[in-house]
Amino acid sequence: MYLTQETDYAVRIVYCLAESGGRKDAGSLGAQMNVTLRFSLKILGKLSAAGVVKSFKGTHGGYELARDPSQITLKDVVDAVEGSPYVISRCISQGGECNRGASGCCAFQHEFAKISESINRQLSAVTFADLLKKEKHETSQTAK
């Protein structure tokens, strides 16, 4: 099971903005992530609507983080793209329908709900400041 490619790119775009510490245009972000400009703009639109990034128009426009990297979690980004809260099965999402045609909660729904809650807790526990520190540490270890 994977997160969508769109979510993967969104995480990387937010990481690039966190790493740069400033404003970047969509074209530069897309080029750095090897994503088309059109797809980058779509992702940035979702991130902006969710309050993860801020957009600026004009010649000095672009995108920057809406909050400090220590205040943005992986869950914030996943929710911006995948919807909130992230669930591993449609049967536990609001309005989800049982694939078996059953009514009420079944054993599968119960277990999928517990797993989804665990995933959301873990995503909430990781900030982009954490990722920057880990990447810096791993890069310094590799250079030795």
N, C-alpha and C. Protein backbone atom coordinates (compact mmCIF):
# COMPACT_ATOMS: atom_id res chain seq x y z
N MET A 1 0.84 -1.17 0.00
CA MET A 1 0.00 0.00 0.00
C MET A 1 0.90 1.24 0.00
N TYR A 2 0.55 2.20 -0.80
CA TYR A 2 1.33 3.43 -0.92
C TYR A 2 0.44 4.65 -0.77
N LEU A 3 1.04 5.74 -0.32
CA LEU A 3 0.39 7.04 -0.47
C LEU A 3 0.45 7.36 -1.95
N THR A 4 -0.39 8.25 -2.41
CA THR A 4 -0.37 8.60 -3.82
C THR A 4 0.93 9.31 -4.17
N GLN A 5 1.27 9.28 -5.45
CA GLN A 5 2.46 9.98 -5.92
C GLN A 5 2.31 11.49 -5.67
N GLU A 6 1.10 11.98 -5.77
CA GLU A 6 0.84 13.40 -5.50
C GLU A 6 1.23 13.75 -4.06
N THR A 7 0.89 12.89 -3.11
CA THR A 7 1.23 13.13 -1.72
C THR A 7 2.75 13.06 -1.52
N ASP A 8 3.38 12.10 -2.17
CA ASP A 8 4.84 11.98 -2.08
C ASP A 8 5.50 13.27 -2.58
N TYR A 9 5.04 13.78 -3.71
CA TYR A 9 5.59 15.03 -4.24
C TYR A 9 5.30 16.20 -3.29
N ALA A 10 4.11 16.22 -2.70
CA ALA A 10 3.75 17.30 -1.78
C ALA A 10 4.70 17.32 -0.59
N VAL A 11 4.99 16.16 -0.04
CA VAL A 11 5.93 16.08 1.09
C VAL A 11 7.29 16.62 0.67
N ARG A 12 7.73 16.26 -0.52
CA ARG A 12 9.04 16.71 -1.00
C ARG A 12 9.06 18.21 -1.28
N ILE A 13 7.95 18.73 -1.79
CA ILE A 13 7.87 20.18 -2.04
C ILE A 13 7.93 20.94 -0.73
N VAL A 14 7.18 20.50 0.28
CA VAL A 14 7.22 21.17 1.58
C VAL A 14 8.62 21.06 2.18
N TYR A 15 9.25 19.91 2.02
CA TYR A 15 10.62 19.74 2.52
C TYR A 15 11.56 20.75 1.83
N CYS A 16 11.44 20.89 0.53
CA CYS A 16 12.29 21.85 -0.21
C CYS A 16 12.09 23.27 0.31
N LEU A 17 10.84 23.64 0.56
CA LEU A 17 10.57 24.97 1.10
C LEU A 17 11.14 25.12 2.50
N ALA A 18 11.03 24.08 3.31
CA ALA A 18 11.59 24.12 4.67
C ALA A 18 13.11 24.25 4.62
N GLU A 19 13.71 23.50 3.71
CA GLU A 19 15.17 23.51 3.58
C GLU A 19 15.67 24.87 3.09
N SER A 20 14.94 25.47 2.17
CA SER A 20 15.38 26.76 1.62
C SER A 20 15.17 27.90 2.62
N GLY A 21 14.19 27.76 3.48
CA GLY A 21 13.93 28.80 4.47
C GLY A 21 13.35 30.07 3.89
N GLY A 22 12.92 30.01 2.65
CA GLY A 22 12.38 31.21 2.02
C GLY A 22 11.38 30.90 0.94
N ARG A 23 11.24 31.82 0.03
CA ARG A 23 10.25 31.73 -1.03
C ARG A 23 10.87 31.13 -2.29
N LYS A 24 10.10 30.26 -2.93
CA LYS A 24 10.53 29.66 -4.20
C LYS A 24 9.35 29.67 -5.16
N ASP A 25 9.65 29.78 -6.44
CA ASP A 25 8.58 29.74 -7.43
C ASP A 25 8.24 28.29 -7.77
N ALA A 26 7.05 28.09 -8.30
CA ALA A 26 6.55 26.74 -8.61
C ALA A 26 7.44 26.04 -9.63
N GLY A 27 7.96 26.77 -10.59
CA GLY A 27 8.83 26.17 -11.60
C GLY A 27 10.10 25.60 -11.00
N SER A 28 10.72 26.35 -10.09
CA SER A 28 11.94 25.87 -9.43
C SER A 28 11.66 24.66 -8.57
N LEU A 29 10.55 24.70 -7.83
CA LEU A 29 10.18 23.56 -6.99
C LEU A 29 9.93 22.32 -7.85
N GLY A 30 9.21 22.51 -8.94
CA GLY A 30 8.91 21.40 -9.84
C GLY A 30 10.18 20.82 -10.44
N ALA A 31 11.09 21.69 -10.87
CA ALA A 31 12.34 21.23 -11.47
C ALA A 31 13.17 20.46 -10.44
N GLN A 32 13.19 20.96 -9.22
CA GLN A 32 13.97 20.30 -8.17
C GLN A 32 13.39 18.92 -7.84
N MET A 33 12.08 18.79 -7.95
CA MET A 33 11.41 17.52 -7.63
C MET A 33 11.17 16.66 -8.86
N ASN A 34 11.54 17.18 -10.03
CA ASN A 34 11.31 16.48 -11.29
C ASN A 34 9.81 16.26 -11.53
N VAL A 35 9.03 17.31 -11.29
CA VAL A 35 7.58 17.31 -11.43
C VAL A 35 7.22 18.41 -12.42
N THR A 36 6.23 18.17 -13.26
CA THR A 36 5.83 19.19 -14.22
C THR A 36 5.31 20.43 -13.49
N LEU A 37 5.39 21.56 -14.13
CA LEU A 37 4.90 22.81 -13.55
C LEU A 37 3.41 22.69 -13.25
N ARG A 38 2.67 22.12 -14.16
CA ARG A 38 1.21 21.99 -13.97
C ARG A 38 0.88 21.17 -12.73
N PHE A 39 1.58 20.05 -12.54
CA PHE A 39 1.33 19.20 -11.37
C PHE A 39 1.80 19.90 -10.09
N SER A 40 2.92 20.60 -10.16
CA SER A 40 3.42 21.36 -9.01
C SER A 40 2.39 22.40 -8.57
N LEU A 41 1.82 23.10 -9.54
CA LEU A 41 0.81 24.12 -9.23
C LEU A 41 -0.43 23.51 -8.59
N LYS A 42 -0.82 22.34 -9.08
CA LYS A 42 -1.98 21.65 -8.51
C LYS A 42 -1.71 21.30 -7.04
N ILE A 43 -0.55 20.74 -6.77
CA ILE A 43 -0.17 20.37 -5.41
C ILE A 43 -0.06 21.61 -4.53
N LEU A 44 0.61 22.64 -5.02
CA LEU A 44 0.77 23.87 -4.25
C LEU A 44 -0.58 24.52 -3.95
N GLY A 45 -1.53 24.39 -4.87
CA GLY A 45 -2.88 24.90 -4.62
C GLY A 45 -3.52 24.20 -3.43
N LYS A 46 -3.38 22.89 -3.37
CA LYS A 46 -3.93 22.13 -2.24
C LYS A 46 -3.22 22.48 -0.93
N LEU A 47 -1.90 22.61 -0.99
CA LEU A 47 -1.14 22.96 0.20
C LEU A 47 -1.49 24.37 0.68
N SER A 48 -1.73 25.27 -0.25
CA SER A 48 -2.11 26.64 0.09
C SER A 48 -3.51 26.67 0.71
N ALA A 49 -4.45 25.95 0.12
CA ALA A 49 -5.82 25.90 0.65
C ALA A 49 -5.85 25.31 2.05
N ALA A 50 -4.92 24.41 2.35
CA ALA A 50 -4.86 23.77 3.67
C ALA A 50 -4.07 24.60 4.68
N GLY A 51 -3.48 25.71 4.24
CA GLY A 51 -2.72 26.55 5.15
C GLY A 51 -1.32 26.06 5.46
N VAL A 52 -0.80 25.18 4.61
CA VAL A 52 0.57 24.68 4.80
C VAL A 52 1.57 25.64 4.16
N VAL A 53 1.21 26.18 3.00
CA VAL A 53 2.06 27.16 2.32
C VAL A 53 1.25 28.43 2.05
N LYS A 54 1.98 29.51 1.81
CA LYS A 54 1.37 30.77 1.40
C LYS A 54 1.85 31.06 -0.01
N SER A 55 0.96 31.62 -0.82
CA SER A 55 1.35 31.98 -2.17
C SER A 55 1.40 33.49 -2.31
N PHE A 56 2.32 33.93 -3.16
CA PHE A 56 2.52 35.35 -3.40
C PHE A 56 2.55 35.58 -4.90
N LYS A 57 1.82 36.57 -5.36
CA LYS A 57 1.76 36.88 -6.80
C LYS A 57 2.76 37.97 -7.14
N GLY A 58 2.99 38.10 -8.44
CA GLY A 58 3.85 39.17 -8.91
C GLY A 58 5.25 38.70 -9.24
N THR A 59 6.09 39.68 -9.59
CA THR A 59 7.44 39.36 -10.03
C THR A 59 8.29 38.74 -8.91
N HIS A 60 7.96 39.05 -7.68
CA HIS A 60 8.67 38.45 -6.55
C HIS A 60 7.80 37.43 -5.85
N GLY A 61 6.89 36.86 -6.62
CA GLY A 61 5.95 35.89 -6.08
C GLY A 61 6.58 34.53 -5.88
N GLY A 62 5.74 33.62 -5.50
CA GLY A 62 6.19 32.25 -5.27
C GLY A 62 5.46 31.67 -4.09
N TYR A 63 6.10 30.73 -3.45
CA TYR A 63 5.50 30.02 -2.33
C TYR A 63 6.50 29.92 -1.19
N GLU A 64 5.97 29.99 0.01
CA GLU A 64 6.77 29.77 1.20
C GLU A 64 5.90 29.09 2.24
N LEU A 65 6.54 28.52 3.24
CA LEU A 65 5.79 27.85 4.29
C LEU A 65 4.94 28.87 5.05
N ALA A 66 3.75 28.45 5.42
CA ALA A 66 2.84 29.32 6.16
C ALA A 66 3.19 29.35 7.65
N ARG A 67 3.93 28.34 8.10
CA ARG A 67 4.34 28.24 9.50
C ARG A 67 5.78 27.75 9.56
N ASP A 68 6.35 27.84 10.72
CA ASP A 68 7.69 27.32 10.95
C ASP A 68 7.68 25.81 10.69
N PRO A 69 8.78 25.25 10.15
CA PRO A 69 8.84 23.81 9.90
C PRO A 69 8.56 22.95 11.14
N SER A 70 8.81 23.49 12.32
CA SER A 70 8.53 22.75 13.55
C SER A 70 7.03 22.68 13.84
N GLN A 71 6.26 23.47 13.11
CA GLN A 71 4.80 23.50 13.30
C GLN A 71 4.05 22.81 12.17
N ILE A 72 4.76 22.22 11.22
CA ILE A 72 4.12 21.52 10.10
C ILE A 72 4.50 20.05 10.18
N THR A 73 3.49 19.19 10.24
CA THR A 73 3.72 17.76 10.36
C THR A 73 3.48 17.05 9.03
N LEU A 74 3.96 15.83 8.97
CA LEU A 74 3.66 15.01 7.79
C LEU A 74 2.15 14.85 7.63
N LYS A 75 1.43 14.76 8.74
CA LYS A 75 -0.02 14.62 8.69
C LYS A 75 -0.66 15.83 8.02
N ASP A 76 -0.16 17.03 8.31
CA ASP A 76 -0.70 18.24 7.68
C ASP A 76 -0.64 18.12 6.16
N VAL A 77 0.48 17.63 5.65
CA VAL A 77 0.67 17.53 4.20
C VAL A 77 -0.17 16.39 3.62
N VAL A 78 -0.16 15.25 4.29
CA VAL A 78 -0.96 14.11 3.82
C VAL A 78 -2.43 14.49 3.79
N ASP A 79 -2.91 15.12 4.85
CA ASP A 79 -4.32 15.53 4.90
C ASP A 79 -4.66 16.54 3.81
N ALA A 80 -3.73 17.44 3.51
CA ALA A 80 -3.97 18.45 2.48
C ALA A 80 -4.21 17.81 1.12
N VAL A 81 -3.54 16.71 0.84
CA VAL A 81 -3.63 16.06 -0.47
C VAL A 81 -4.63 14.90 -0.46
N GLU A 82 -4.57 14.06 0.56
CA GLU A 82 -5.38 12.84 0.61
C GLU A 82 -6.76 13.06 1.22
N GLY A 83 -6.90 14.12 2.01
CA GLY A 83 -8.13 14.33 2.76
C GLY A 83 -7.90 13.99 4.21
N SER A 84 -8.78 14.46 5.05
CA SER A 84 -8.57 14.32 6.49
C SER A 84 -9.74 13.58 7.11
N PRO A 85 -9.49 12.67 7.99
CA PRO A 85 -8.19 12.09 8.30
C PRO A 85 -7.85 11.00 7.28
N TYR A 86 -6.58 10.70 7.19
CA TYR A 86 -6.12 9.65 6.28
C TYR A 86 -6.61 8.30 6.81
N VAL A 87 -7.21 7.50 5.93
CA VAL A 87 -7.67 6.16 6.30
C VAL A 87 -7.15 5.16 5.29
N ILE A 88 -6.94 3.93 5.74
CA ILE A 88 -6.38 2.92 4.85
C ILE A 88 -7.44 2.18 4.05
N SER A 89 -8.72 2.36 4.40
CA SER A 89 -9.79 1.69 3.66
C SER A 89 -10.99 2.62 3.54
N ARG A 90 -11.62 2.59 2.38
CA ARG A 90 -12.81 3.41 2.16
C ARG A 90 -13.93 3.05 3.13
N CYS A 91 -13.95 1.81 3.60
CA CYS A 91 -15.07 1.38 4.44
C CYS A 91 -15.11 2.09 5.80
N ILE A 92 -14.03 2.77 6.18
CA ILE A 92 -14.06 3.48 7.46
C ILE A 92 -14.10 4.99 7.29
N SER A 93 -14.09 5.46 6.06
CA SER A 93 -14.20 6.90 5.85
C SER A 93 -15.66 7.30 6.04
N GLN A 94 -15.88 8.56 6.31
CA GLN A 94 -17.25 9.03 6.50
C GLN A 94 -18.06 8.72 5.25
N GLY A 95 -19.19 8.10 5.44
CA GLY A 95 -20.03 7.73 4.32
C GLY A 95 -19.52 6.52 3.57
N GLY A 96 -18.45 5.89 4.10
CA GLY A 96 -17.89 4.71 3.46
C GLY A 96 -18.89 3.57 3.45
N GLU A 97 -18.82 2.80 2.42
CA GLU A 97 -19.75 1.68 2.30
C GLU A 97 -19.00 0.37 2.42
N CYS A 98 -19.63 -0.57 3.06
CA CYS A 98 -19.04 -1.88 3.23
C CYS A 98 -18.97 -2.58 1.88
N ASN A 99 -17.82 -3.12 1.55
CA ASN A 99 -17.64 -3.84 0.29
C ASN A 99 -18.44 -5.15 0.28
N ARG A 100 -18.76 -5.65 1.48
CA ARG A 100 -19.50 -6.90 1.57
C ARG A 100 -21.01 -6.68 1.63
N GLY A 101 -21.43 -5.42 1.70
CA GLY A 101 -22.86 -5.13 1.80
C GLY A 101 -23.39 -5.26 3.21
N ALA A 102 -22.53 -5.38 4.19
CA ALA A 102 -22.96 -5.51 5.57
C ALA A 102 -23.36 -4.15 6.14
N SER A 103 -24.17 -4.18 7.16
CA SER A 103 -24.52 -2.92 7.83
C SER A 103 -23.86 -2.91 9.20
N GLY A 104 -23.54 -1.72 9.68
CA GLY A 104 -22.87 -1.61 10.96
C GLY A 104 -21.38 -1.84 10.83
N CYS A 105 -20.72 -1.90 11.96
CA CYS A 105 -19.26 -2.07 11.99
C CYS A 105 -18.90 -3.55 12.05
N CYS A 106 -18.00 -3.96 11.20
CA CYS A 106 -17.55 -5.36 11.20
C CYS A 106 -16.13 -5.43 11.76
N ALA A 107 -15.63 -6.62 11.89
CA ALA A 107 -14.28 -6.83 12.43
C ALA A 107 -13.22 -6.14 11.57
N PHE A 108 -13.41 -6.14 10.25
CA PHE A 108 -12.45 -5.49 9.36
C PHE A 108 -12.45 -3.99 9.59
N GLN A 109 -13.62 -3.38 9.66
CA GLN A 109 -13.71 -1.94 9.90
C GLN A 109 -13.02 -1.58 11.21
N HIS A 110 -13.26 -2.37 12.23
CA HIS A 110 -12.68 -2.10 13.54
C HIS A 110 -11.15 -2.11 13.46
N GLU A 111 -10.58 -3.12 12.84
CA GLU A 111 -9.11 -3.22 12.74
C GLU A 111 -8.54 -2.15 11.83
N PHE A 112 -9.19 -1.89 10.69
CA PHE A 112 -8.72 -0.84 9.80
C PHE A 112 -8.76 0.53 10.50
N ALA A 113 -9.76 0.75 11.32
CA ALA A 113 -9.86 2.01 12.05
C ALA A 113 -8.71 2.15 13.04
N LYS A 114 -8.37 1.08 13.77
CA LYS A 114 -7.25 1.13 14.72
C LYS A 114 -5.93 1.41 13.99
N ILE A 115 -5.73 0.74 12.87
CA ILE A 115 -4.50 0.94 12.09
C ILE A 115 -4.43 2.37 11.57
N SER A 116 -5.53 2.88 11.05
CA SER A 116 -5.57 4.25 10.54
C SER A 116 -5.27 5.26 11.64
N GLU A 117 -5.83 5.06 12.82
CA GLU A 117 -5.56 5.95 13.95
C GLU A 117 -4.08 5.94 14.29
N SER A 118 -3.45 4.77 14.28
CA SER A 118 -2.03 4.67 14.57
C SER A 118 -1.20 5.41 13.53
N ILE A 119 -1.54 5.23 12.27
CA ILE A 119 -0.83 5.93 11.20
C ILE A 119 -0.95 7.44 11.37
N ASN A 120 -2.15 7.93 11.65
CA ASN A 120 -2.36 9.37 11.82
C ASN A 120 -1.59 9.91 13.02
N ARG A 121 -1.52 9.15 14.10
CA ARG A 121 -0.72 9.58 15.26
C ARG A 121 0.76 9.68 14.89
N GLN A 122 1.25 8.69 14.16
CA GLN A 122 2.67 8.70 13.78
C GLN A 122 2.97 9.83 12.80
N LEU A 123 2.08 10.08 11.86
CA LEU A 123 2.28 11.19 10.93
C LEU A 123 2.28 12.53 11.67
N SER A 124 1.45 12.65 12.72
CA SER A 124 1.38 13.88 13.51
C SER A 124 2.64 14.10 14.34
N ALA A 125 3.36 13.04 14.61
CA ALA A 125 4.54 13.13 15.47
C ALA A 125 5.80 13.58 14.74
N VAL A 126 5.75 13.65 13.41
CA VAL A 126 6.94 14.00 12.64
C VAL A 126 6.76 15.38 12.01
N THR A 127 7.62 16.31 12.40
CA THR A 127 7.58 17.65 11.82
C THR A 127 8.65 17.78 10.74
N PHE A 128 8.53 18.81 9.94
CA PHE A 128 9.54 19.05 8.92
C PHE A 128 10.86 19.53 9.53
N ALA A 129 10.81 20.12 10.71
CA ALA A 129 12.05 20.45 11.42
C ALA A 129 12.77 19.16 11.80
N ASP A 130 12.00 18.14 12.23
CA ASP A 130 12.59 16.84 12.54
C ASP A 130 13.27 16.25 11.31
N LEU A 131 12.59 16.32 10.18
CA LEU A 131 13.14 15.76 8.95
C LEU A 131 14.41 16.49 8.51
N LEU A 132 14.41 17.81 8.66
CA LEU A 132 15.62 18.58 8.32
C LEU A 132 16.80 18.16 9.19
N LYS A 133 16.55 17.98 10.49
CA LYS A 133 17.62 17.55 11.41
C LYS A 133 18.13 16.17 11.04
N LYS A 134 17.20 15.25 10.78
CA LYS A 134 17.60 13.88 10.43
C LYS A 134 18.39 13.84 9.14
N GLU A 135 17.96 14.59 8.16
CA GLU A 135 18.65 14.62 6.87
C GLU A 135 20.05 15.21 7.04
N LYS A 136 20.16 16.27 7.82
CA LYS A 136 21.46 16.90 8.06
C LYS A 136 22.39 15.92 8.77
N HIS A 137 21.86 15.20 9.76
CA HIS A 137 22.65 14.23 10.51
C HIS A 137 23.10 13.08 9.60
N GLU A 138 22.18 12.56 8.80
CA GLU A 138 22.53 11.45 7.90
C GLU A 138 23.52 11.88 6.84
N THR A 139 23.39 13.09 6.33
CA THR A 139 24.33 13.60 5.34
C THR A 139 25.72 13.75 5.94
N SER A 140 25.79 14.24 7.18
CA SER A 140 27.10 14.41 7.82
C SER A 140 27.73 13.05 8.13
N GLN A 141 26.91 12.04 8.44
CA GLN A 141 27.44 10.69 8.69
C GLN A 141 27.97 10.06 7.43
N THR A 142 27.28 10.30 6.31
CA THR A 142 27.69 9.73 5.02
C THR A 142 28.99 10.37 4.55
N ALA A 143 29.19 11.65 4.85
CA ALA A 143 30.38 12.36 4.38
C ALA A 143 31.64 11.91 5.12
N LYS A 144 31.48 11.27 6.26
CA LYS A 144 32.66 10.87 7.05
C LYS A 144 33.35 9.67 6.48
